[in-house]
Amino acid sequence: MNVITQKARAGQYLLSTVGTLSADLAQLAAGPALPSGQILSFDEKTQLYSAYATPAEGSKAVVKATAILYAPAGEREAPLQVTITARLAEVSAAELTGLDAQVTAQLAELHIIVR
């Protein structure tokens, strides 16, 4: 018997939204493949989104969670236009990648409620 593992579907993390008002188009920086539900941060210098990473302890870098990737993105050698959830949504914590207490608070500021 063949075992098939189903990957996360686009928007699987969403519990409720305000339609297209919750979503934006954005440019995702080149890098490794990312799953739907990946927490993203925005780089002011490059104007690109990338996977959120908690700053190293003692680091003065300020990294803020600013969106959630709607659909999986494959490995990229150049920036890619993607859809993100940027505001006014209710999401499932179990379906998010990169979630911690700090991220939950930062998403709440965007009116993205983690359940």
PDB file of N, CA and C in Angstrom:
ATOM      1  N   MET A   1       0.834  -1.176   0.000  1.00  0.00           N
ATOM      2  CA  MET A   1       0.000   0.000   0.000  1.00  0.00           C
ATOM      3  C   MET A   1       0.883   1.246   0.000  1.00  0.00           C
ATOM      4  N   ASN A   2       0.594   2.174  -0.898  1.00  0.00           N
ATOM      5  CA  ASN A   2       1.324   3.433  -0.969  1.00  0.00           C
ATOM      6  C   ASN A   2       0.757   4.417   0.038  1.00  0.00           C
ATOM      7  N   VAL A   3       1.631   5.070   0.785  1.00  0.00           N
ATOM      8  CA  VAL A   3       1.211   6.094   1.738  1.00  0.00           C
ATOM      9  C   VAL A   3       1.425   7.455   1.099  1.00  0.00           C
ATOM     10  N   ILE A   4       0.381   8.246   1.083  1.00  0.00           N
ATOM     11  CA  ILE A   4       0.450   9.582   0.515  1.00  0.00           C
ATOM     12  C   ILE A   4       0.311  10.585   1.650  1.00  0.00           C
ATOM     13  N   THR A   5       1.244  11.521   1.731  1.00  0.00           N
ATOM     14  CA  THR A   5       1.183  12.568   2.743  1.00  0.00           C
ATOM     15  C   THR A   5       0.700  13.847   2.079  1.00  0.00           C
ATOM     16  N   GLN A   6      -0.402  14.372   2.574  1.00  0.00           N
ATOM     17  CA  GLN A   6      -0.962  15.579   1.996  1.00  0.00           C
ATOM     18  C   GLN A   6      -0.265  16.799   2.581  1.00  0.00           C
ATOM     19  N   LYS A   7       0.194  17.687   1.716  1.00  0.00           N
ATOM     20  CA  LYS A   7       0.838  18.923   2.148  1.00  0.00           C
ATOM     21  C   LYS A   7      -0.232  19.959   2.465  1.00  0.00           C
ATOM     22  N   ALA A   8       0.183  20.997   3.182  1.00  0.00           N
ATOM     23  CA  ALA A   8      -0.744  22.077   3.511  1.00  0.00           C
ATOM     24  C   ALA A   8      -1.271  22.730   2.236  1.00  0.00           C
ATOM     25  N   ARG A   9      -2.558  23.001   2.232  1.00  0.00           N
ATOM     26  CA  ARG A   9      -3.182  23.661   1.080  1.00  0.00           C
ATOM     27  C   ARG A   9      -3.112  25.177   1.261  1.00  0.00           C
ATOM     28  N   ALA A  10      -3.263  25.887   0.196  1.00  0.00           N
ATOM     29  CA  ALA A  10      -3.288  27.348   0.246  1.00  0.00           C
ATOM     30  C   ALA A  10      -4.385  27.819   1.192  1.00  0.00           C
ATOM     31  N   GLY A  11      -4.036  28.690   2.104  1.00  0.00           N
ATOM     32  CA  GLY A  11      -5.010  29.265   3.014  1.00  0.00           C
ATOM     33  C   GLY A  11      -5.556  28.325   4.071  1.00  0.00           C
ATOM     34  N   GLN A  12      -4.975  27.158   4.225  1.00  0.00           N
ATOM     35  CA  GLN A  12      -5.480  26.171   5.181  1.00  0.00           C
ATOM     36  C   GLN A  12      -5.495  26.707   6.612  1.00  0.00           C
ATOM     37  N   TYR A  13      -4.636  27.643   6.925  1.00  0.00           N
ATOM     38  CA  TYR A  13      -4.531  28.205   8.265  1.00  0.00           C
ATOM     39  C   TYR A  13      -5.674  29.165   8.605  1.00  0.00           C
ATOM     40  N   LEU A  14      -6.427  29.621   7.594  1.00  0.00           N
ATOM     41  CA  LEU A  14      -7.478  30.618   7.813  1.00  0.00           C
ATOM     42  C   LEU A  14      -8.727  30.023   8.450  1.00  0.00           C
ATOM     43  N   LEU A  15      -9.219  30.672   9.491  1.00  0.00           N
ATOM     44  CA  LEU A  15     -10.499  30.304  10.089  1.00  0.00           C
ATOM     45  C   LEU A  15     -11.583  31.256   9.591  1.00  0.00           C
ATOM     46  N   SER A  16     -11.246  32.543   9.507  1.00  0.00           N
ATOM     47  CA  SER A  16     -12.163  33.523   8.923  1.00  0.00           C
ATOM     48  C   SER A  16     -11.377  34.738   8.459  1.00  0.00           C
ATOM     49  N   THR A  17     -11.912  35.426   7.450  1.00  0.00           N
ATOM     50  CA  THR A  17     -11.282  36.630   6.909  1.00  0.00           C
ATOM     51  C   THR A  17     -12.364  37.622   6.521  1.00  0.00           C
ATOM     52  N   VAL A  18     -11.922  38.785   6.117  1.00  0.00           N
ATOM     53  CA  VAL A  18     -12.823  39.792   5.584  1.00  0.00           C
ATOM     54  C   VAL A  18     -12.595  39.829   4.072  1.00  0.00           C
ATOM     55  N   GLY A  19     -12.745  38.679   3.443  1.00  0.00           N
ATOM     56  CA  GLY A  19     -12.589  38.558   1.997  1.00  0.00           C
ATOM     57  C   GLY A  19     -11.252  39.082   1.513  1.00  0.00           C
ATOM     58  N   THR A  20     -11.276  39.798   0.399  1.00  0.00           N
ATOM     59  CA  THR A  20     -10.034  40.294  -0.184  1.00  0.00           C
ATOM     60  C   THR A  20      -9.427  41.441   0.614  1.00  0.00           C
ATOM     61  N   LEU A  21     -10.157  42.005   1.560  1.00  0.00           N
ATOM     62  CA  LEU A  21      -9.615  43.072   2.404  1.00  0.00           C
ATOM     63  C   LEU A  21      -8.486  42.552   3.290  1.00  0.00           C
ATOM     64  N   SER A  22      -8.487  41.262   3.597  1.00  0.00           N
ATOM     65  CA  SER A  22      -7.467  40.665   4.466  1.00  0.00           C
ATOM     66  C   SER A  22      -6.172  40.358   3.722  1.00  0.00           C
ATOM     67  N   ALA A  23      -6.219  40.312   2.408  1.00  0.00           N
ATOM     68  CA  ALA A  23      -5.069  39.847   1.617  1.00  0.00           C
ATOM     69  C   ALA A  23      -4.424  40.975   0.820  1.00  0.00           C
ATOM     70  N   ASP A  24      -3.130  40.791   0.554  1.00  0.00           N
ATOM     71  CA  ASP A  24      -2.362  41.706  -0.284  1.00  0.00           C
ATOM     72  C   ASP A  24      -1.463  40.894  -1.199  1.00  0.00           C
ATOM     73  N   LEU A  25      -1.018  41.507  -2.275  1.00  0.00           N
ATOM     74  CA  LEU A  25       0.053  40.938  -3.093  1.00  0.00           C
ATOM     75  C   LEU A  25       1.354  41.507  -2.557  1.00  0.00           C
ATOM     76  N   ALA A  26       2.395  40.684  -2.542  1.00  0.00           N
ATOM     77  CA  ALA A  26       3.681  41.116  -2.002  1.00  0.00           C
ATOM     78  C   ALA A  26       4.809  40.425  -2.745  1.00  0.00           C
ATOM     79  N   GLN A  27       6.013  40.944  -2.582  1.00  0.00           N
ATOM     80  CA  GLN A  27       7.203  40.350  -3.186  1.00  0.00           C
ATOM     81  C   GLN A  27       7.944  39.561  -2.111  1.00  0.00           C
ATOM     82  N   LEU A  28       8.134  38.271  -2.361  1.00  0.00           N
ATOM     83  CA  LEU A  28       8.833  37.371  -1.447  1.00  0.00           C
ATOM     84  C   LEU A  28      10.280  37.250  -1.904  1.00  0.00           C
ATOM     85  N   ALA A  29      11.216  37.454  -0.983  1.00  0.00           N
ATOM     86  CA  ALA A  29      12.642  37.393  -1.301  1.00  0.00           C
ATOM     87  C   ALA A  29      13.034  36.000  -1.781  1.00  0.00           C
ATOM     88  N   ALA A  30      14.107  35.945  -2.561  1.00  0.00           N
ATOM     89  CA  ALA A  30      14.653  34.661  -3.011  1.00  0.00           C
ATOM     90  C   ALA A  30      15.042  33.842  -1.794  1.00  0.00           C
ATOM     91  N   GLY A  31      14.923  32.520  -1.898  1.00  0.00           N
ATOM     92  CA  GLY A  31      15.282  31.673  -0.771  1.00  0.00           C
ATOM     93  C   GLY A  31      14.680  30.292  -0.872  1.00  0.00           C
ATOM     94  N   PRO A  32      14.687  29.564   0.251  1.00  0.00           N
ATOM     95  CA  PRO A  32      14.186  28.195   0.262  1.00  0.00           C
ATOM     96  C   PRO A  32      12.658  28.143   0.155  1.00  0.00           C
ATOM     97  N   ALA A  33      12.152  26.958  -0.108  1.00  0.00           N
ATOM     98  CA  ALA A  33      10.704  26.748  -0.184  1.00  0.00           C
ATOM     99  C   ALA A  33      10.064  27.070   1.162  1.00  0.00           C
ATOM    100  N   LEU A  34       8.857  27.644   1.113  1.00  0.00           N
ATOM    101  CA  LEU A  34       8.120  27.996   2.324  1.00  0.00           C
ATOM    102  C   LEU A  34       6.708  27.422   2.236  1.00  0.00           C
ATOM    103  N   PRO A  35       6.165  26.941   3.352  1.00  0.00           N
ATOM    104  CA  PRO A  35       4.821  26.379   3.348  1.00  0.00           C
ATOM    105  C   PRO A  35       3.742  27.447   3.498  1.00  0.00           C
ATOM    106  N   SER A  36       2.544  27.110   3.125  1.00  0.00           N
ATOM    107  CA  SER A  36       1.403  27.961   3.415  1.00  0.00           C
ATOM    108  C   SER A  36       1.327  28.100   4.935  1.00  0.00           C
ATOM    109  N   GLY A  37       1.073  29.315   5.415  1.00  0.00           N
ATOM    110  CA  GLY A  37       1.011  29.531   6.855  1.00  0.00           C
ATOM    111  C   GLY A  37       2.334  29.977   7.465  1.00  0.00           C
ATOM    112  N   GLN A  38       3.345  30.193   6.630  1.00  0.00           N
ATOM    113  CA  GLN A  38       4.647  30.665   7.131  1.00  0.00           C
ATOM    114  C   GLN A  38       4.509  32.118   7.589  1.00  0.00           C
ATOM    115  N   ILE A  39       4.957  32.419   8.808  1.00  0.00           N
ATOM    116  CA  ILE A  39       4.973  33.790   9.299  1.00  0.00           C
ATOM    117  C   ILE A  39       6.062  34.537   8.529  1.00  0.00           C
ATOM    118  N   LEU A  40       5.760  35.762   8.097  1.00  0.00           N
ATOM    119  CA  LEU A  40       6.696  36.555   7.310  1.00  0.00           C
ATOM    120  C   LEU A  40       7.051  37.858   8.026  1.00  0.00           C
ATOM    121  N   SER A  41       8.225  38.372   7.711  1.00  0.00           N
ATOM    122  CA  SER A  41       8.627  39.701   8.164  1.00  0.00           C
ATOM    123  C   SER A  41       8.984  40.520   6.934  1.00  0.00           C
ATOM    124  N   PHE A  42       8.932  41.842   7.082  1.00  0.00           N
ATOM    125  CA  PHE A  42       9.181  42.746   5.962  1.00  0.00           C
ATOM    126  C   PHE A  42      10.499  43.464   6.183  1.00  0.00           C
ATOM    127  N   ASP A  43      11.339  43.483   5.154  1.00  0.00           N
ATOM    128  CA  ASP A  43      12.626  44.168   5.210  1.00  0.00           C
ATOM    129  C   ASP A  43      12.462  45.538   4.559  1.00  0.00           C
ATOM    130  N   GLU A  44      12.550  46.586   5.364  1.00  0.00           N
ATOM    131  CA  GLU A  44      12.375  47.959   4.862  1.00  0.00           C
ATOM    132  C   GLU A  44      13.411  48.320   3.795  1.00  0.00           C
ATOM    133  N   LYS A  45      14.644  47.804   3.936  1.00  0.00           N
ATOM    134  CA  LYS A  45      15.715  48.150   2.993  1.00  0.00           C
ATOM    135  C   LYS A  45      15.455  47.576   1.608  1.00  0.00           C
ATOM    136  N   THR A  46      15.098  46.284   1.545  1.00  0.00           N
ATOM    137  CA  THR A  46      14.910  45.633   0.250  1.00  0.00           C
ATOM    138  C   THR A  46      13.473  45.708  -0.256  1.00  0.00           C
ATOM    139  N   GLN A  47      12.533  46.049   0.650  1.00  0.00           N
ATOM    140  CA  GLN A  47      11.104  46.087   0.332  1.00  0.00           C
ATOM    141  C   GLN A  47      10.577  44.698  -0.041  1.00  0.00           C
ATOM    142  N   LEU A  48      11.182  43.650   0.560  1.00  0.00           N
ATOM    143  CA  LEU A  48      10.778  42.267   0.309  1.00  0.00           C
ATOM    144  C   LEU A  48      10.386  41.581   1.615  1.00  0.00           C
ATOM    145  N   TYR A  49       9.490  40.606   1.494  1.00  0.00           N
ATOM    146  CA  TYR A  49       9.113  39.764   2.634  1.00  0.00           C
ATOM    147  C   TYR A  49      10.001  38.530   2.651  1.00  0.00           C
ATOM    148  N   SER A  50      10.220  37.988   3.838  1.00  0.00           N
ATOM    149  CA  SER A  50      10.967  36.732   3.984  1.00  0.00           C
ATOM    150  C   SER A  50      10.444  36.010   5.215  1.00  0.00           C
ATOM    151  N   ALA A  51      10.851  34.749   5.393  1.00  0.00           N
ATOM    152  CA  ALA A  51      10.412  33.963   6.541  1.00  0.00           C
ATOM    153  C   ALA A  51      10.855  34.641   7.832  1.00  0.00           C
ATOM    154  N   TYR A  52       9.947  34.761   8.778  1.00  0.00           N
ATOM    155  CA  TYR A  52      10.251  35.365  10.074  1.00  0.00           C
ATOM    156  C   TYR A  52      11.245  34.491  10.826  1.00  0.00           C
ATOM    157  N   ALA A  53      12.230  35.128  11.415  1.00  0.00           N
ATOM    158  CA  ALA A  53      13.201  34.430  12.254  1.00  0.00           C
ATOM    159  C   ALA A  53      13.409  35.255  13.511  1.00  0.00           C
ATOM    160  N   THR A  54      13.273  34.626  14.671  1.00  0.00           N
ATOM    161  CA  THR A  54      13.477  35.313  15.933  1.00  0.00           C
ATOM    162  C   THR A  54      14.922  35.796  16.015  1.00  0.00           C
ATOM    163  N   PRO A  55      15.138  37.069  16.370  1.00  0.00           N
ATOM    164  CA  PRO A  55      16.516  37.559  16.485  1.00  0.00           C
ATOM    165  C   PRO A  55      17.289  36.770  17.540  1.00  0.00           C
ATOM    166  N   ALA A  56      18.582  36.609  17.319  1.00  0.00           N
ATOM    167  CA  ALA A  56      19.433  35.899  18.274  1.00  0.00           C
ATOM    168  C   ALA A  56      19.439  36.652  19.604  1.00  0.00           C
ATOM    169  N   GLU A  57      19.562  35.909  20.690  1.00  0.00           N
ATOM    170  CA  GLU A  57      19.586  36.515  22.014  1.00  0.00           C
ATOM    171  C   GLU A  57      20.750  37.503  22.099  1.00  0.00           C
ATOM    172  N   GLY A  58      20.464  38.695  22.583  1.00  0.00           N
ATOM    173  CA  GLY A  58      21.484  39.726  22.680  1.00  0.00           C
ATOM    174  C   GLY A  58      21.597  40.583  21.436  1.00  0.00           C
ATOM    175  N   SER A  59      20.926  40.198  20.372  1.00  0.00           N
ATOM    176  CA  SER A  59      20.966  40.947  19.116  1.00  0.00           C
ATOM    177  C   SER A  59      20.141  42.220  19.258  1.00  0.00           C
ATOM    178  N   LYS A  60      20.594  43.289  18.625  1.00  0.00           N
ATOM    179  CA  LYS A  60      19.854  44.552  18.640  1.00  0.00           C
ATOM    180  C   LYS A  60      18.921  44.661  17.441  1.00  0.00           C
ATOM    181  N   ALA A  61      18.934  43.665  16.581  1.00  0.00           N
ATOM    182  CA  ALA A  61      18.078  43.672  15.389  1.00  0.00           C
ATOM    183  C   ALA A  61      16.608  43.633  15.796  1.00  0.00           C
ATOM    184  N   VAL A  62      15.803  44.402  15.100  1.00  0.00           N
ATOM    185  CA  VAL A  62      14.364  44.415  15.340  1.00  0.00           C
ATOM    186  C   VAL A  62      13.696  43.694  14.181  1.00  0.00           C
ATOM    187  N   VAL A  63      13.110  42.545  14.470  1.00  0.00           N
ATOM    188  CA  VAL A  63      12.408  41.770  13.452  1.00  0.00           C
ATOM    189  C   VAL A  63      10.963  41.648  13.905  1.00  0.00           C
ATOM    190  N   LYS A  64      10.043  41.992  13.028  1.00  0.00           N
ATOM    191  CA  LYS A  64       8.632  41.981  13.392  1.00  0.00           C
ATOM    192  C   LYS A  64       7.836  41.135  12.407  1.00  0.00           C
ATOM    193  N   ALA A  65       6.953  40.319  12.942  1.00  0.00           N
ATOM    194  CA  ALA A  65       6.049  39.540  12.098  1.00  0.00           C
ATOM    195  C   ALA A  65       5.034  40.498  11.486  1.00  0.00           C
ATOM    196  N   THR A  66       4.904  40.463  10.165  1.00  0.00           N
ATOM    197  CA  THR A  66       4.034  41.428   9.496  1.00  0.00           C
ATOM    198  C   THR A  66       2.982  40.804   8.589  1.00  0.00           C
ATOM    199  N   ALA A  67       3.047  39.491   8.363  1.00  0.00           N
ATOM    200  CA  ALA A  67       2.092  38.849   7.457  1.00  0.00           C
ATOM    201  C   ALA A  67       2.225  37.338   7.544  1.00  0.00           C
ATOM    202  N   ILE A  68       1.318  36.648   6.836  1.00  0.00           N
ATOM    203  CA  ILE A  68       1.338  35.187   6.751  1.00  0.00           C
ATOM    204  C   ILE A  68       1.245  34.811   5.271  1.00  0.00           C
ATOM    205  N   LEU A  69       2.094  33.891   4.844  1.00  0.00           N
ATOM    206  CA  LEU A  69       2.103  33.438   3.451  1.00  0.00           C
ATOM    207  C   LEU A  69       0.853  32.613   3.165  1.00  0.00           C
ATOM    208  N   TYR A  70       0.099  32.991   2.133  1.00  0.00           N
ATOM    209  CA  TYR A  70      -1.166  32.330   1.813  1.00  0.00           C
ATOM    210  C   TYR A  70      -0.983  30.952   1.182  1.00  0.00           C
ATOM    211  N   ALA A  71      -0.126  30.853   0.192  1.00  0.00           N
ATOM    212  CA  ALA A  71       0.069  29.589  -0.531  1.00  0.00           C
ATOM    213  C   ALA A  71       1.546  29.188  -0.481  1.00  0.00           C
ATOM    214  N   PRO A  72       1.840  27.896  -0.582  1.00  0.00           N
ATOM    215  CA  PRO A  72       3.250  27.473  -0.559  1.00  0.00           C
ATOM    216  C   PRO A  72       4.045  28.157  -1.674  1.00  0.00           C
ATOM    217  N   ALA A  73       5.308  28.431  -1.385  1.00  0.00           N
ATOM    218  CA  ALA A  73       6.204  29.029  -2.385  1.00  0.00           C
ATOM    219  C   ALA A  73       7.413  28.123  -2.523  1.00  0.00           C
ATOM    220  N   GLY A  74       7.706  27.711  -3.732  1.00  0.00           N
ATOM    221  CA  GLY A  74       8.862  26.854  -3.971  1.00  0.00           C
ATOM    222  C   GLY A  74      10.170  27.618  -3.799  1.00  0.00           C
ATOM    223  N   GLU A  75      11.267  26.901  -3.906  1.00  0.00           N
ATOM    224  CA  GLU A  75      12.583  27.535  -3.825  1.00  0.00           C
ATOM    225  C   GLU A  75      12.697  28.568  -4.944  1.00  0.00           C
ATOM    226  N   ARG A  76      13.267  29.745  -4.598  1.00  0.00           N
ATOM    227  CA  ARG A  76      13.318  30.849  -5.550  1.00  0.00           C
ATOM    228  C   ARG A  76      14.727  31.409  -5.667  1.00  0.00           C
ATOM    229  N   GLU A  77      15.126  31.730  -6.891  1.00  0.00           N
ATOM    230  CA  GLU A  77      16.406  32.390  -7.124  1.00  0.00           C
ATOM    231  C   GLU A  77      16.216  33.887  -7.327  1.00  0.00           C
ATOM    232  N   ALA A  78      14.980  34.310  -7.452  1.00  0.00           N
ATOM    233  CA  ALA A  78      14.645  35.727  -7.627  1.00  0.00           C
ATOM    234  C   ALA A  78      13.370  36.000  -6.834  1.00  0.00           C
ATOM    235  N   PRO A  79      13.081  37.260  -6.525  1.00  0.00           N
ATOM    236  CA  PRO A  79      11.838  37.573  -5.812  1.00  0.00           C
ATOM    237  C   PRO A  79      10.618  37.044  -6.575  1.00  0.00           C
ATOM    238  N   LEU A  80       9.601  36.691  -5.820  1.00  0.00           N
ATOM    239  CA  LEU A  80       8.383  36.099  -6.377  1.00  0.00           C
ATOM    240  C   LEU A  80       7.176  36.841  -5.835  1.00  0.00           C
ATOM    241  N   GLN A  81       6.210  37.159  -6.692  1.00  0.00           N
ATOM    242  CA  GLN A  81       4.978  37.786  -6.223  1.00  0.00           C
ATOM    243  C   GLN A  81       4.094  36.714  -5.601  1.00  0.00           C
ATOM    244  N   VAL A  82       3.628  36.982  -4.375  1.00  0.00           N
ATOM    245  CA  VAL A  82       2.804  36.035  -3.636  1.00  0.00           C
ATOM    246  C   VAL A  82       1.624  36.767  -3.003  1.00  0.00           C
ATOM    247  N   THR A  83       0.677  35.989  -2.511  1.00  0.00           N
ATOM    248  CA  THR A  83      -0.438  36.537  -1.751  1.00  0.00           C
ATOM    249  C   THR A  83      -0.147  36.327  -0.276  1.00  0.00           C
ATOM    250  N   ILE A  84      -0.412  37.361   0.528  1.00  0.00           N
ATOM    251  CA  ILE A  84      -0.208  37.278   1.968  1.00  0.00           C
ATOM    252  C   ILE A  84      -1.486  37.674   2.692  1.00  0.00           C
ATOM    253  N   THR A  85      -1.630  37.190   3.908  1.00  0.00           N
ATOM    254  CA  THR A  85      -2.675  37.671   4.801  1.00  0.00           C
ATOM    255  C   THR A  85      -2.020  38.763   5.631  1.00  0.00           C
ATOM    256  N   ALA A  86      -2.517  39.991   5.501  1.00  0.00           N
ATOM    257  CA  ALA A  86      -1.867  41.134   6.124  1.00  0.00           C
ATOM    258  C   ALA A  86      -2.675  41.783   7.244  1.00  0.00           C
ATOM    259  N   ARG A  87      -3.966  41.441   7.371  1.00  0.00           N
ATOM    260  CA  ARG A  87      -4.810  42.104   8.371  1.00  0.00           C
ATOM    261  C   ARG A  87      -6.158  41.406   8.483  1.00  0.00           C
ATOM    262  N   LEU A  88      -6.886  41.716   9.530  1.00  0.00           N
ATOM    263  CA  LEU A  88      -8.288  41.327   9.686  1.00  0.00           C
ATOM    264  C   LEU A  88      -8.582  39.868   9.373  1.00  0.00           C
ATOM    265  N   ALA A  89      -7.979  38.969  10.147  1.00  0.00           N
ATOM    266  CA  ALA A  89      -8.215  37.538   9.936  1.00  0.00           C
ATOM    267  C   ALA A  89      -8.145  36.798  11.267  1.00  0.00           C
ATOM    268  N   GLU A  90      -8.736  35.619  11.270  1.00  0.00           N
ATOM    269  CA  GLU A  90      -8.652  34.695  12.396  1.00  0.00           C
ATOM    270  C   GLU A  90      -7.966  33.445  11.854  1.00  0.00           C
ATOM    271  N   VAL A  91      -6.888  33.012  12.528  1.00  0.00           N
ATOM    272  CA  VAL A  91      -6.069  31.922  12.004  1.00  0.00           C
ATOM    273  C   VAL A  91      -5.864  30.831  13.046  1.00  0.00           C
ATOM    274  N   SER A  92      -5.550  29.629  12.563  1.00  0.00           N
ATOM    275  CA  SER A  92      -5.316  28.479  13.426  1.00  0.00           C
ATOM    276  C   SER A  92      -3.834  28.377  13.779  1.00  0.00           C
ATOM    277  N   ALA A  93      -3.512  28.396  15.066  1.00  0.00           N
ATOM    278  CA  ALA A  93      -2.117  28.301  15.530  1.00  0.00           C
ATOM    279  C   ALA A  93      -1.460  27.019  15.045  1.00  0.00           C
ATOM    280  N   ALA A  94      -2.211  25.931  14.986  1.00  0.00           N
ATOM    281  CA  ALA A  94      -1.655  24.632  14.590  1.00  0.00           C
ATOM    282  C   ALA A  94      -1.189  24.608  13.136  1.00  0.00           C
ATOM    283  N   GLU A  95      -1.668  25.527  12.316  1.00  0.00           N
ATOM    284  CA  GLU A  95      -1.336  25.544  10.890  1.00  0.00           C
ATOM    285  C   GLU A  95      -0.260  26.563  10.529  1.00  0.00           C
ATOM    286  N   LEU A  96       0.276  27.283  11.532  1.00  0.00           N
ATOM    287  CA  LEU A  96       1.266  28.325  11.261  1.00  0.00           C
ATOM    288  C   LEU A  96       2.679  27.826  11.507  1.00  0.00           C
ATOM    289  N   THR A  97       3.625  28.333  10.730  1.00  0.00           N
ATOM    290  CA  THR A  97       5.049  27.995  10.874  1.00  0.00           C
ATOM    291  C   THR A  97       5.777  29.237  11.366  1.00  0.00           C
ATOM    292  N   GLY A  98       6.501  29.094  12.482  1.00  0.00           N
ATOM    293  CA  GLY A  98       7.268  30.208  13.033  1.00  0.00           C
ATOM    294  C   GLY A  98       6.539  30.964  14.118  1.00  0.00           C
ATOM    295  N   LEU A  99       5.502  30.368  14.674  1.00  0.00           N
ATOM    296  CA  LEU A  99       4.682  31.034  15.682  1.00  0.00           C
ATOM    297  C   LEU A  99       5.297  30.916  17.069  1.00  0.00           C
ATOM    298  N   ASP A 100       5.321  32.017  17.809  1.00  0.00           N
ATOM    299  CA  ASP A 100       5.675  32.018  19.223  1.00  0.00           C
ATOM    300  C   ASP A 100       4.853  33.127  19.890  1.00  0.00           C
ATOM    301  N   ALA A 101       5.017  33.323  21.183  1.00  0.00           N
ATOM    302  CA  ALA A 101       4.210  34.303  21.911  1.00  0.00           C
ATOM    303  C   ALA A 101       4.421  35.720  21.380  1.00  0.00           C
ATOM    304  N   GLN A 102       5.655  36.062  21.034  1.00  0.00           N
ATOM    305  CA  GLN A 102       5.956  37.393  20.513  1.00  0.00           C
ATOM    306  C   GLN A 102       5.267  37.606  19.167  1.00  0.00           C
ATOM    307  N   VAL A 103       5.312  36.614  18.323  1.00  0.00           N
ATOM    308  CA  VAL A 103       4.666  36.704  17.011  1.00  0.00           C
ATOM    309  C   VAL A 103       3.153  36.841  17.177  1.00  0.00           C
ATOM    310  N   THR A 104       2.583  36.084  18.090  1.00  0.00           N
ATOM    311  CA  THR A 104       1.141  36.168  18.333  1.00  0.00           C
ATOM    312  C   THR A 104       0.744  37.597  18.695  1.00  0.00           C
ATOM    313  N   ALA A 105       1.521  38.243  19.543  1.00  0.00           N
ATOM    314  CA  ALA A 105       1.245  39.625  19.939  1.00  0.00           C
ATOM    315  C   ALA A 105       1.402  40.580  18.755  1.00  0.00           C
ATOM    316  N   GLN A 106       2.426  40.369  17.945  1.00  0.00           N
ATOM    317  CA  GLN A 106       2.654  41.241  16.790  1.00  0.00           C
ATOM    318  C   GLN A 106       1.541  41.089  15.757  1.00  0.00           C
ATOM    319  N   LEU A 107       1.065  39.867  15.552  1.00  0.00           N
ATOM    320  CA  LEU A 107      -0.043  39.652  14.621  1.00  0.00           C
ATOM    321  C   LEU A 107      -1.329  40.287  15.148  1.00  0.00           C
ATOM    322  N   ALA A 108      -1.519  40.258  16.462  1.00  0.00           N
ATOM    323  CA  ALA A 108      -2.705  40.871  17.059  1.00  0.00           C
ATOM    324  C   ALA A 108      -2.764  42.371  16.757  1.00  0.00           C
ATOM    325  N   GLU A 109      -1.603  43.021  16.687  1.00  0.00           N
ATOM    326  CA  GLU A 109      -1.554  44.443  16.337  1.00  0.00           C
ATOM    327  C   GLU A 109      -2.090  44.688  14.924  1.00  0.00           C
ATOM    328  N   LEU A 110      -2.008  43.675  14.071  1.00  0.00           N
ATOM    329  CA  LEU A 110      -2.512  43.764  12.699  1.00  0.00           C
ATOM    330  C   LEU A 110      -3.959  43.279  12.601  1.00  0.00           C
ATOM    331  N   HIS A 111      -4.539  42.970  13.734  1.00  0.00           N
ATOM    332  CA  HIS A 111      -5.887  42.402  13.804  1.00  0.00           C
ATOM    333  C   HIS A 111      -5.952  41.019  13.156  1.00  0.00           C
ATOM    334  N   ILE A 112      -4.859  40.276  13.310  1.00  0.00           N
ATOM    335  CA  ILE A 112      -4.822  38.866  12.937  1.00  0.00           C
ATOM    336  C   ILE A 112      -4.826  38.094  14.242  1.00  0.00           C
ATOM    337  N   ILE A 113      -5.929  37.434  14.516  1.00  0.00           N
ATOM    338  CA  ILE A 113      -6.128  36.753  15.794  1.00  0.00           C
ATOM    339  C   ILE A 113      -5.764  35.287  15.655  1.00  0.00           C
ATOM    340  N   VAL A 114      -4.868  34.819  16.522  1.00  0.00           N
ATOM    341  CA  VAL A 114      -4.427  33.431  16.515  1.00  0.00           C
ATOM    342  C   VAL A 114      -5.265  32.634  17.509  1.00  0.00           C
ATOM    343  N   ARG A 115      -5.878  31.563  17.049  1.00  0.00           N
ATOM    344  CA  ARG A 115      -6.716  30.708  17.903  1.00  0.00           C
ATOM    345  C   ARG A 115      -6.046  29.369  18.121  1.00  0.00           C
TER     346      ARG A 115
END
